[in-house]
């Protein structure tokens, strides 16, 4: 669901997502790389916390994420991420000298959640959508509505089993709906 019971959106707009990314870049390590990985991958907070040095495939330009919402372990997906994030991960986490089994962010889920919320609060994201899940939803909405990513690719990147789940992100309203209409008017 993209809206709560009161009709408030539960995702960041493209502008809010961009502000979040800008603010995350200015945060100290390791919060900066954690927040950027959440924003650029669309992964769940637990999936990002589970990432290890070996999950970053620099040559392919992807992060390999284990889908933790499945009923079994060992289901992986590759999500392309920007070079700027890959460079930060390599440099800040010393990936070239790290063991492939070394976790990138040795922090608790609660600590990670609080740090993400703090960045969102600092950039003025509305409380009803200021959460790590709001970033995941924003990844889906921005990808489908603004960037016109095909549903099947977005489904794979988000780790959804059913295309119907991914199609929910096409139900955005407000500025995102207007963005879709602008494409039709051109």
N, C-alpha and C. Protein backbone atom coordinates (compact mmCIF):
# COMPACT_ATOMS: atom_id res chain seq x y z
N UNK A 1 0.84 -1.18 0.00
CA UNK A 1 0.00 0.00 0.00
C UNK A 1 0.89 1.25 0.00
N UNK A 2 0.53 2.19 -0.85
CA UNK A 2 1.29 3.43 -0.93
C UNK A 2 0.72 4.53 -0.04
N UNK A 3 -0.45 4.26 0.58
CA UNK A 3 -1.11 5.27 1.41
C UNK A 3 -1.56 4.64 2.71
N UNK A 4 -1.52 5.44 3.79
CA UNK A 4 -1.98 4.94 5.07
C UNK A 4 -3.49 5.09 5.17
N UNK A 5 -4.07 4.72 6.31
CA UNK A 5 -5.52 4.76 6.48
C UNK A 5 -6.10 6.17 6.39
N UNK A 6 -5.27 7.19 6.61
CA UNK A 6 -5.74 8.57 6.52
C UNK A 6 -5.52 9.17 5.13
N UNK A 7 -5.00 8.38 4.20
CA UNK A 7 -4.77 8.86 2.84
C UNK A 7 -3.43 9.54 2.63
N UNK A 8 -2.55 9.48 3.61
CA UNK A 8 -1.21 10.07 3.47
C UNK A 8 -0.31 9.11 2.70
N UNK A 9 0.51 9.65 1.81
CA UNK A 9 1.43 8.79 1.06
C UNK A 9 2.51 8.26 2.00
N UNK A 10 2.95 7.05 1.71
CA UNK A 10 3.98 6.41 2.54
C UNK A 10 5.31 6.32 1.80
N UNK A 11 5.50 7.16 0.79
CA UNK A 11 6.74 7.15 0.03
C UNK A 11 7.25 8.57 -0.12
N UNK A 12 8.54 8.69 -0.37
CA UNK A 12 9.14 9.99 -0.62
C UNK A 12 8.92 10.35 -2.08
N UNK A 13 8.67 11.62 -2.34
CA UNK A 13 8.60 12.08 -3.72
C UNK A 13 10.01 12.07 -4.30
N UNK A 14 10.11 12.25 -5.60
CA UNK A 14 11.42 12.30 -6.25
C UNK A 14 12.27 13.42 -5.65
N UNK A 15 11.65 14.57 -5.39
CA UNK A 15 12.38 15.70 -4.80
C UNK A 15 12.86 15.38 -3.38
N UNK A 16 12.00 14.77 -2.57
CA UNK A 16 12.39 14.40 -1.21
C UNK A 16 13.52 13.35 -1.24
N UNK A 17 13.41 12.41 -2.16
CA UNK A 17 14.44 11.38 -2.30
C UNK A 17 15.78 12.03 -2.68
N UNK A 18 15.75 12.99 -3.59
CA UNK A 18 16.97 13.69 -3.98
C UNK A 18 17.57 14.48 -2.82
N UNK A 19 16.72 15.12 -2.03
CA UNK A 19 17.21 15.84 -0.85
C UNK A 19 17.83 14.87 0.16
N UNK A 20 17.19 13.72 0.32
CA UNK A 20 17.72 12.69 1.23
C UNK A 20 19.10 12.25 0.75
N UNK A 21 19.23 11.97 -0.53
CA UNK A 21 20.52 11.53 -1.09
C UNK A 21 21.58 12.60 -0.88
N UNK A 22 21.23 13.86 -1.13
CA UNK A 22 22.17 14.96 -0.92
C UNK A 22 22.62 15.06 0.52
N UNK A 23 21.67 14.94 1.44
CA UNK A 23 22.01 15.02 2.87
C UNK A 23 22.81 13.80 3.32
N UNK A 24 22.49 12.64 2.78
CA UNK A 24 23.20 11.42 3.15
C UNK A 24 24.67 11.50 2.75
N UNK A 25 24.93 12.12 1.61
CA UNK A 25 26.33 12.27 1.15
C UNK A 25 27.16 13.05 2.16
N UNK A 26 26.53 13.98 2.88
CA UNK A 26 27.23 14.81 3.86
C UNK A 26 27.35 14.18 5.24
N UNK A 27 26.71 13.04 5.45
CA UNK A 27 26.78 12.38 6.75
C UNK A 27 28.14 11.67 6.92
N UNK A 28 28.55 11.48 8.16
CA UNK A 28 29.82 10.76 8.39
C UNK A 28 29.68 9.28 8.01
N UNK A 29 30.84 8.69 7.74
CA UNK A 29 30.90 7.26 7.48
C UNK A 29 30.65 6.53 8.79
N UNK A 30 29.91 5.46 8.82
CA UNK A 30 29.33 4.66 7.76
C UNK A 30 27.87 4.99 7.45
N UNK A 31 27.32 6.01 8.12
CA UNK A 31 25.91 6.35 7.89
C UNK A 31 25.69 6.77 6.44
N UNK A 32 26.64 7.52 5.87
CA UNK A 32 26.47 7.99 4.49
C UNK A 32 26.32 6.83 3.51
N UNK A 33 27.19 5.84 3.59
CA UNK A 33 27.10 4.73 2.63
C UNK A 33 25.86 3.87 2.88
N UNK A 34 25.49 3.75 4.13
CA UNK A 34 24.28 2.97 4.45
C UNK A 34 23.04 3.63 3.85
N UNK A 35 22.88 4.93 4.08
CA UNK A 35 21.72 5.66 3.56
C UNK A 35 21.70 5.67 2.03
N UNK A 36 22.86 5.86 1.43
CA UNK A 36 22.93 5.87 -0.03
C UNK A 36 22.60 4.50 -0.62
N UNK A 37 23.04 3.45 0.04
CA UNK A 37 22.73 2.11 -0.44
C UNK A 37 21.23 1.84 -0.35
N UNK A 38 20.60 2.27 0.73
CA UNK A 38 19.14 2.14 0.84
C UNK A 38 18.44 2.88 -0.30
N UNK A 39 18.85 4.11 -0.53
CA UNK A 39 18.18 4.95 -1.54
C UNK A 39 18.39 4.44 -2.96
N UNK A 40 19.60 3.99 -3.27
CA UNK A 40 19.92 3.59 -4.65
C UNK A 40 19.57 2.14 -4.97
N UNK A 41 19.32 1.32 -3.96
CA UNK A 41 19.04 -0.10 -4.24
C UNK A 41 17.58 -0.47 -4.08
N UNK A 42 16.83 0.30 -3.30
CA UNK A 42 15.43 -0.07 -3.05
C UNK A 42 15.31 -1.27 -2.12
N UNK A 43 16.39 -1.65 -1.48
CA UNK A 43 16.39 -2.83 -0.61
C UNK A 43 15.75 -2.50 0.74
N UNK A 44 15.32 -3.54 1.40
CA UNK A 44 14.79 -3.42 2.76
C UNK A 44 15.96 -3.14 3.71
N UNK A 45 15.67 -2.51 4.84
CA UNK A 45 16.73 -2.15 5.79
C UNK A 45 17.50 -3.39 6.25
N UNK A 46 16.80 -4.49 6.51
CA UNK A 46 17.47 -5.71 6.95
C UNK A 46 18.35 -6.29 5.85
N UNK A 47 17.93 -6.15 4.59
CA UNK A 47 18.73 -6.65 3.48
C UNK A 47 20.03 -5.87 3.33
N UNK A 48 19.96 -4.56 3.53
CA UNK A 48 21.17 -3.74 3.43
C UNK A 48 22.10 -4.04 4.61
N UNK A 49 21.54 -4.19 5.80
CA UNK A 49 22.37 -4.52 6.96
C UNK A 49 23.05 -5.88 6.81
N UNK A 50 22.46 -6.77 6.04
CA UNK A 50 23.02 -8.11 5.84
C UNK A 50 24.11 -8.14 4.76
N UNK A 51 24.31 -7.03 4.03
CA UNK A 51 25.29 -7.03 2.95
C UNK A 51 26.71 -7.21 3.48
N UNK A 52 27.48 -7.97 2.72
CA UNK A 52 28.87 -8.22 3.04
C UNK A 52 29.74 -7.69 1.91
N UNK A 53 31.00 -7.58 2.14
CA UNK A 53 31.93 -7.05 1.14
C UNK A 53 31.82 -7.82 -0.17
N UNK A 54 31.63 -9.12 -0.11
CA UNK A 54 31.51 -9.95 -1.30
C UNK A 54 30.24 -9.73 -2.10
N UNK A 55 29.28 -9.00 -1.53
CA UNK A 55 28.03 -8.72 -2.24
C UNK A 55 28.12 -7.53 -3.19
N UNK A 56 29.24 -6.84 -3.17
CA UNK A 56 29.44 -5.69 -4.06
C UNK A 56 30.26 -6.16 -5.26
N UNK A 57 29.62 -6.22 -6.42
CA UNK A 57 30.28 -6.64 -7.65
C UNK A 57 30.63 -5.39 -8.44
N UNK A 58 31.85 -4.92 -8.25
CA UNK A 58 32.30 -3.67 -8.85
C UNK A 58 32.33 -3.78 -10.37
N UNK A 59 32.84 -4.88 -10.89
CA UNK A 59 32.96 -5.06 -12.34
C UNK A 59 31.60 -5.02 -13.04
N UNK A 60 30.59 -5.62 -12.41
CA UNK A 60 29.24 -5.65 -13.01
C UNK A 60 28.43 -4.40 -12.66
N UNK A 61 28.89 -3.63 -11.67
CA UNK A 61 28.17 -2.42 -11.26
C UNK A 61 26.88 -2.72 -10.51
N UNK A 62 26.90 -3.81 -9.75
CA UNK A 62 25.69 -4.22 -9.02
C UNK A 62 26.01 -4.54 -7.57
N UNK A 63 24.95 -4.54 -6.78
CA UNK A 63 25.00 -5.08 -5.42
C UNK A 63 24.14 -6.33 -5.45
N UNK A 64 24.66 -7.41 -4.90
CA UNK A 64 23.94 -8.67 -4.87
C UNK A 64 23.26 -8.78 -3.49
N UNK A 65 21.94 -8.76 -3.53
CA UNK A 65 21.15 -8.69 -2.29
C UNK A 65 20.43 -10.02 -2.07
N UNK A 66 20.56 -10.55 -0.87
CA UNK A 66 19.77 -11.73 -0.53
C UNK A 66 18.38 -11.25 -0.12
N UNK A 67 17.38 -11.80 -0.78
CA UNK A 67 16.01 -11.42 -0.48
C UNK A 67 15.60 -12.10 0.82
N UNK A 68 15.42 -11.31 1.86
CA UNK A 68 15.16 -11.87 3.19
C UNK A 68 13.69 -12.10 3.48
N UNK A 69 12.82 -11.71 2.59
CA UNK A 69 11.39 -11.87 2.85
C UNK A 69 10.86 -13.21 2.31
N UNK A 70 11.69 -13.96 1.63
CA UNK A 70 11.28 -15.27 1.11
C UNK A 70 11.23 -16.27 2.26
N UNK A 71 10.58 -17.38 2.03
CA UNK A 71 10.47 -18.39 3.08
C UNK A 71 11.72 -19.26 3.19
N UNK A 72 12.67 -19.01 2.27
CA UNK A 72 13.91 -19.80 2.31
C UNK A 72 15.09 -18.88 2.05
N UNK A 73 16.25 -19.33 2.50
CA UNK A 73 17.49 -18.56 2.32
C UNK A 73 18.05 -18.84 0.93
N UNK A 74 18.99 -17.99 0.50
CA UNK A 74 19.70 -18.24 -0.74
C UNK A 74 19.01 -17.73 -2.00
N UNK A 75 18.05 -16.82 -1.85
CA UNK A 75 17.42 -16.20 -3.02
C UNK A 75 18.06 -14.82 -3.18
N UNK A 76 18.81 -14.65 -4.27
CA UNK A 76 19.57 -13.42 -4.47
C UNK A 76 19.05 -12.66 -5.69
N UNK A 77 19.27 -11.36 -5.67
CA UNK A 77 18.96 -10.51 -6.82
C UNK A 77 20.10 -9.52 -7.00
N UNK A 78 20.34 -9.15 -8.23
CA UNK A 78 21.37 -8.16 -8.53
C UNK A 78 20.68 -6.84 -8.84
N UNK A 79 21.10 -5.79 -8.16
CA UNK A 79 20.52 -4.47 -8.38
C UNK A 79 21.63 -3.53 -8.85
N UNK A 80 21.47 -2.96 -10.06
CA UNK A 80 22.47 -1.99 -10.52
C UNK A 80 22.44 -0.74 -9.66
N UNK A 81 23.62 -0.23 -9.35
CA UNK A 81 23.72 1.00 -8.55
C UNK A 81 24.69 1.95 -9.24
N UNK A 82 24.58 3.25 -8.95
CA UNK A 82 25.47 4.22 -9.60
C UNK A 82 26.94 4.04 -9.23
N UNK A 83 27.79 4.42 -10.15
CA UNK A 83 29.24 4.33 -9.91
C UNK A 83 29.67 5.12 -8.68
N UNK A 84 29.01 6.25 -8.43
CA UNK A 84 29.38 7.07 -7.27
C UNK A 84 29.21 6.27 -5.98
N UNK A 85 28.17 5.45 -5.89
CA UNK A 85 27.98 4.62 -4.70
C UNK A 85 29.04 3.52 -4.65
N UNK A 86 29.30 2.88 -5.78
CA UNK A 86 30.31 1.82 -5.80
C UNK A 86 31.68 2.36 -5.35
N UNK A 87 32.04 3.54 -5.84
CA UNK A 87 33.33 4.13 -5.44
C UNK A 87 33.38 4.40 -3.93
N UNK A 88 32.26 4.93 -3.38
CA UNK A 88 32.21 5.19 -1.93
C UNK A 88 32.34 3.89 -1.14
N UNK A 89 31.67 2.84 -1.61
CA UNK A 89 31.74 1.56 -0.92
C UNK A 89 33.16 1.00 -0.96
N UNK A 90 33.79 1.05 -2.12
CA UNK A 90 35.15 0.54 -2.27
C UNK A 90 36.11 1.31 -1.37
N UNK A 91 36.03 2.63 -1.42
CA UNK A 91 36.96 3.48 -0.67
C UNK A 91 36.71 3.42 0.83
N UNK A 92 35.47 3.71 1.23
CA UNK A 92 35.17 3.81 2.67
C UNK A 92 35.19 2.48 3.40
N UNK A 93 34.76 1.42 2.71
CA UNK A 93 34.71 0.11 3.37
C UNK A 93 35.94 -0.74 3.06
N UNK A 94 36.89 -0.16 2.31
CA UNK A 94 38.14 -0.85 1.98
C UNK A 94 37.86 -2.25 1.41
N UNK A 95 36.98 -2.28 0.40
CA UNK A 95 36.52 -3.56 -0.14
C UNK A 95 37.64 -4.39 -0.76
N UNK A 96 38.64 -3.75 -1.31
CA UNK A 96 39.70 -4.50 -1.97
C UNK A 96 40.56 -5.28 -0.97
N UNK A 97 40.57 -4.85 0.30
CA UNK A 97 41.35 -5.58 1.30
C UNK A 97 40.47 -6.31 2.31
N UNK A 98 39.16 -6.26 2.13
CA UNK A 98 38.25 -6.88 3.09
C UNK A 98 37.98 -8.34 2.75
N UNK A 99 37.68 -9.09 3.78
CA UNK A 99 37.21 -10.46 3.58
C UNK A 99 35.82 -10.38 2.94
N UNK A 100 35.51 -11.25 1.98
CA UNK A 100 34.18 -11.22 1.35
C UNK A 100 33.04 -11.44 2.34
N UNK A 101 33.34 -12.04 3.49
CA UNK A 101 32.31 -12.32 4.49
C UNK A 101 32.15 -11.21 5.53
N UNK A 102 32.90 -10.13 5.39
CA UNK A 102 32.83 -9.03 6.36
C UNK A 102 31.59 -8.19 6.10
N UNK A 103 30.77 -8.01 7.14
CA UNK A 103 29.58 -7.16 7.02
C UNK A 103 30.00 -5.71 6.81
N UNK A 104 29.26 -5.00 5.96
CA UNK A 104 29.60 -3.61 5.65
C UNK A 104 29.18 -2.66 6.77
N UNK A 105 28.07 -2.95 7.42
CA UNK A 105 27.57 -2.05 8.47
C UNK A 105 27.30 -2.84 9.75
N UNK A 106 28.25 -2.82 10.68
CA UNK A 106 28.05 -3.53 11.94
C UNK A 106 27.24 -2.68 12.93
N UNK A 107 25.98 -2.47 12.59
CA UNK A 107 25.10 -1.73 13.50
C UNK A 107 23.78 -2.46 13.60
N UNK A 108 23.05 -2.17 14.63
CA UNK A 108 21.75 -2.83 14.82
C UNK A 108 20.71 -2.21 13.89
N UNK A 109 19.64 -2.94 13.70
CA UNK A 109 18.53 -2.45 12.88
C UNK A 109 17.94 -1.17 13.49
N UNK A 110 17.83 -1.14 14.79
CA UNK A 110 17.28 0.03 15.48
C UNK A 110 18.15 1.26 15.25
N UNK A 111 19.45 1.11 15.40
CA UNK A 111 20.37 2.22 15.17
C UNK A 111 20.28 2.71 13.72
N UNK A 112 20.28 1.77 12.79
CA UNK A 112 20.19 2.13 11.37
C UNK A 112 18.89 2.88 11.09
N UNK A 113 17.79 2.40 11.64
CA UNK A 113 16.48 3.02 11.44
C UNK A 113 16.50 4.46 11.97
N UNK A 114 17.06 4.66 13.15
CA UNK A 114 17.13 6.00 13.75
C UNK A 114 17.97 6.95 12.90
N UNK A 115 19.07 6.46 12.36
CA UNK A 115 19.94 7.30 11.52
C UNK A 115 19.23 7.72 10.24
N UNK A 116 18.52 6.81 9.61
CA UNK A 116 17.76 7.13 8.39
C UNK A 116 16.69 8.17 8.71
N UNK A 117 15.97 7.96 9.81
CA UNK A 117 14.93 8.91 10.23
C UNK A 117 15.53 10.30 10.49
N UNK A 118 16.72 10.36 11.07
CA UNK A 118 17.37 11.64 11.37
C UNK A 118 17.68 12.39 10.08
N UNK A 119 18.18 11.69 9.07
CA UNK A 119 18.47 12.34 7.78
C UNK A 119 17.17 12.86 7.18
N UNK A 120 16.13 12.06 7.24
CA UNK A 120 14.83 12.47 6.68
C UNK A 120 14.27 13.68 7.41
N UNK A 121 14.39 13.67 8.72
CA UNK A 121 13.91 14.80 9.51
C UNK A 121 14.67 16.07 9.13
N UNK A 122 15.98 15.95 8.93
CA UNK A 122 16.82 17.11 8.59
C UNK A 122 16.47 17.71 7.23
N UNK A 123 15.96 16.91 6.31
CA UNK A 123 15.63 17.44 4.98
C UNK A 123 14.13 17.72 4.83
N UNK A 124 13.39 17.61 5.92
CA UNK A 124 11.98 18.00 5.91
C UNK A 124 11.02 17.01 5.29
N UNK A 125 11.35 15.72 5.35
CA UNK A 125 10.42 14.71 4.85
C UNK A 125 9.27 14.60 5.86
N UNK A 126 8.04 14.58 5.36
CA UNK A 126 6.86 14.51 6.22
C UNK A 126 6.92 13.25 7.09
N UNK A 127 6.50 13.35 8.35
CA UNK A 127 6.60 12.22 9.28
C UNK A 127 5.91 10.93 8.80
N UNK A 128 4.80 11.07 8.08
CA UNK A 128 4.06 9.87 7.67
C UNK A 128 4.79 9.04 6.60
N UNK A 129 5.79 9.61 5.96
CA UNK A 129 6.54 8.83 4.95
C UNK A 129 8.03 8.76 5.27
N UNK A 130 8.44 9.29 6.40
CA UNK A 130 9.86 9.32 6.77
C UNK A 130 10.27 8.02 7.45
N UNK A 131 10.61 7.03 6.63
CA UNK A 131 11.07 5.75 7.14
C UNK A 131 11.89 5.06 6.06
N UNK A 132 12.68 4.05 6.44
CA UNK A 132 13.41 3.31 5.42
C UNK A 132 12.48 2.70 4.37
N UNK A 133 11.30 2.28 4.79
CA UNK A 133 10.35 1.71 3.83
C UNK A 133 9.85 2.79 2.86
N UNK A 134 9.78 4.05 3.32
CA UNK A 134 9.43 5.15 2.44
C UNK A 134 10.44 5.32 1.31
N UNK A 135 11.72 5.02 1.61
CA UNK A 135 12.76 5.05 0.57
C UNK A 135 12.57 3.92 -0.42
N UNK A 136 12.21 2.74 0.08
CA UNK A 136 11.96 1.59 -0.80
C UNK A 136 10.79 1.90 -1.73
N UNK A 137 9.72 2.43 -1.15
CA UNK A 137 8.57 2.80 -1.98
C UNK A 137 8.96 3.88 -2.99
N UNK A 138 9.77 4.84 -2.58
CA UNK A 138 10.21 5.91 -3.49
C UNK A 138 11.01 5.33 -4.65
N UNK A 139 11.85 4.35 -4.36
CA UNK A 139 12.62 3.68 -5.40
C UNK A 139 11.68 3.10 -6.46
N UNK A 140 10.62 2.45 -6.01
CA UNK A 140 9.64 1.87 -6.93
C UNK A 140 8.87 2.92 -7.70
N UNK A 141 8.37 3.92 -7.01
CA UNK A 141 7.57 4.96 -7.67
C UNK A 141 8.42 5.77 -8.65
N UNK A 142 9.58 6.23 -8.21
CA UNK A 142 10.45 7.02 -9.09
C UNK A 142 10.89 6.18 -10.28
N UNK A 143 11.23 4.93 -10.03
CA UNK A 143 11.67 4.06 -11.12
C UNK A 143 10.60 3.84 -12.17
N UNK A 144 9.40 3.56 -11.73
CA UNK A 144 8.32 3.26 -12.68
C UNK A 144 7.74 4.53 -13.29
N UNK A 145 7.46 5.53 -12.47
CA UNK A 145 6.77 6.73 -12.95
C UNK A 145 7.72 7.69 -13.66
N UNK A 146 8.82 8.04 -13.03
CA UNK A 146 9.71 9.06 -13.58
C UNK A 146 10.70 8.49 -14.58
N UNK A 147 11.32 7.37 -14.24
CA UNK A 147 12.36 6.82 -15.09
C UNK A 147 11.84 5.81 -16.12
N UNK A 148 10.56 5.46 -16.03
CA UNK A 148 9.93 4.51 -16.96
C UNK A 148 10.64 3.16 -17.00
N UNK A 149 11.07 2.68 -15.85
CA UNK A 149 11.68 1.36 -15.76
C UNK A 149 10.56 0.33 -15.97
N UNK A 150 10.77 -0.66 -16.83
CA UNK A 150 9.74 -1.69 -17.04
C UNK A 150 9.42 -2.42 -15.73
N UNK A 151 8.15 -2.79 -15.58
CA UNK A 151 7.71 -3.45 -14.35
C UNK A 151 8.49 -4.72 -14.05
N UNK A 152 8.83 -5.50 -15.08
CA UNK A 152 9.53 -6.76 -14.81
C UNK A 152 10.93 -6.52 -14.23
N UNK A 153 11.61 -5.46 -14.68
CA UNK A 153 12.92 -5.13 -14.09
C UNK A 153 12.76 -4.65 -12.66
N UNK A 154 11.79 -3.78 -12.43
CA UNK A 154 11.56 -3.27 -11.08
C UNK A 154 11.17 -4.41 -10.14
N UNK A 155 10.38 -5.35 -10.64
CA UNK A 155 10.00 -6.52 -9.86
C UNK A 155 11.24 -7.29 -9.40
N UNK A 156 12.16 -7.51 -10.34
CA UNK A 156 13.38 -8.25 -10.02
C UNK A 156 14.24 -7.46 -9.03
N UNK A 157 14.41 -6.15 -9.27
CA UNK A 157 15.26 -5.34 -8.39
C UNK A 157 14.71 -5.26 -6.97
N UNK A 158 13.38 -5.21 -6.84
CA UNK A 158 12.77 -5.12 -5.51
C UNK A 158 12.61 -6.48 -4.84
N UNK A 159 12.78 -7.55 -5.62
CA UNK A 159 12.67 -8.89 -5.06
C UNK A 159 11.24 -9.35 -4.84
N UNK A 160 10.30 -8.82 -5.62
CA UNK A 160 8.90 -9.23 -5.50
C UNK A 160 8.66 -10.55 -6.22
N UNK A 161 7.85 -11.41 -5.64
CA UNK A 161 7.49 -12.67 -6.29
C UNK A 161 6.43 -12.44 -7.37
N UNK A 162 5.55 -11.49 -7.13
CA UNK A 162 4.42 -11.27 -8.04
C UNK A 162 4.50 -9.88 -8.67
N UNK A 163 4.24 -9.81 -9.96
CA UNK A 163 4.26 -8.53 -10.69
C UNK A 163 3.15 -7.60 -10.17
N UNK A 164 2.09 -8.18 -9.63
CA UNK A 164 0.99 -7.37 -9.07
C UNK A 164 1.47 -6.52 -7.91
N UNK A 165 2.41 -7.05 -7.14
CA UNK A 165 2.96 -6.29 -6.01
C UNK A 165 3.73 -5.10 -6.54
N UNK A 166 4.52 -5.30 -7.57
CA UNK A 166 5.32 -4.21 -8.15
C UNK A 166 4.41 -3.18 -8.81
N UNK A 167 3.32 -3.63 -9.43
CA UNK A 167 2.41 -2.73 -10.14
C UNK A 167 1.78 -1.69 -9.22
N UNK A 168 1.77 -1.94 -7.92
CA UNK A 168 1.23 -0.98 -6.96
C UNK A 168 1.95 0.36 -7.09
N UNK A 169 3.25 0.33 -7.44
CA UNK A 169 4.04 1.56 -7.53
C UNK A 169 3.61 2.44 -8.70
N UNK A 170 2.85 1.90 -9.62
CA UNK A 170 2.34 2.71 -10.72
C UNK A 170 1.08 3.48 -10.30
N UNK A 171 0.60 3.26 -9.08
CA UNK A 171 -0.61 3.91 -8.59
C UNK A 171 -0.34 5.23 -7.87
N UNK A 172 0.78 5.84 -8.13
CA UNK A 172 1.12 7.10 -7.47
C UNK A 172 0.18 8.20 -7.94
N UNK A 173 -0.04 9.16 -7.06
CA UNK A 173 -0.89 10.31 -7.40
C UNK A 173 -0.12 11.59 -7.12
N UNK A 174 -0.78 12.72 -7.33
CA UNK A 174 -0.13 14.00 -7.07
C UNK A 174 0.88 14.33 -8.14
N UNK A 175 2.07 14.78 -7.71
CA UNK A 175 3.09 15.21 -8.67
C UNK A 175 3.55 14.04 -9.54
N UNK A 176 3.56 12.82 -9.00
CA UNK A 176 3.96 11.66 -9.79
C UNK A 176 2.94 11.37 -10.89
N UNK A 177 1.66 11.50 -10.55
CA UNK A 177 0.62 11.28 -11.55
C UNK A 177 0.71 12.34 -12.65
N UNK A 178 0.99 13.54 -12.26
CA UNK A 178 1.15 14.63 -13.23
C UNK A 178 2.34 14.35 -14.16
N UNK A 179 3.41 13.80 -13.60
CA UNK A 179 4.59 13.43 -14.39
C UNK A 179 4.22 12.43 -15.49
N UNK A 180 3.38 11.46 -15.14
CA UNK A 180 2.91 10.48 -16.13
C UNK A 180 2.10 11.19 -17.21
N UNK A 181 1.20 12.08 -16.80
CA UNK A 181 0.36 12.80 -17.76
C UNK A 181 1.20 13.67 -18.69
N UNK A 182 2.25 14.29 -18.17
CA UNK A 182 3.13 15.14 -19.00
C UNK A 182 3.74 14.33 -20.14
N UNK A 183 4.10 13.08 -19.87
CA UNK A 183 4.66 12.24 -20.91
C UNK A 183 3.64 12.04 -22.05
N UNK A 184 2.39 11.92 -21.68
CA UNK A 184 1.34 11.73 -22.67
C UNK A 184 1.09 13.00 -23.48
N UNK A 185 1.27 14.14 -22.87
CA UNK A 185 0.98 15.42 -23.54
C UNK A 185 2.08 15.83 -24.51
N UNK A 186 3.26 15.26 -24.41
CA UNK A 186 4.38 15.67 -25.25
C UNK A 186 4.17 15.24 -26.68
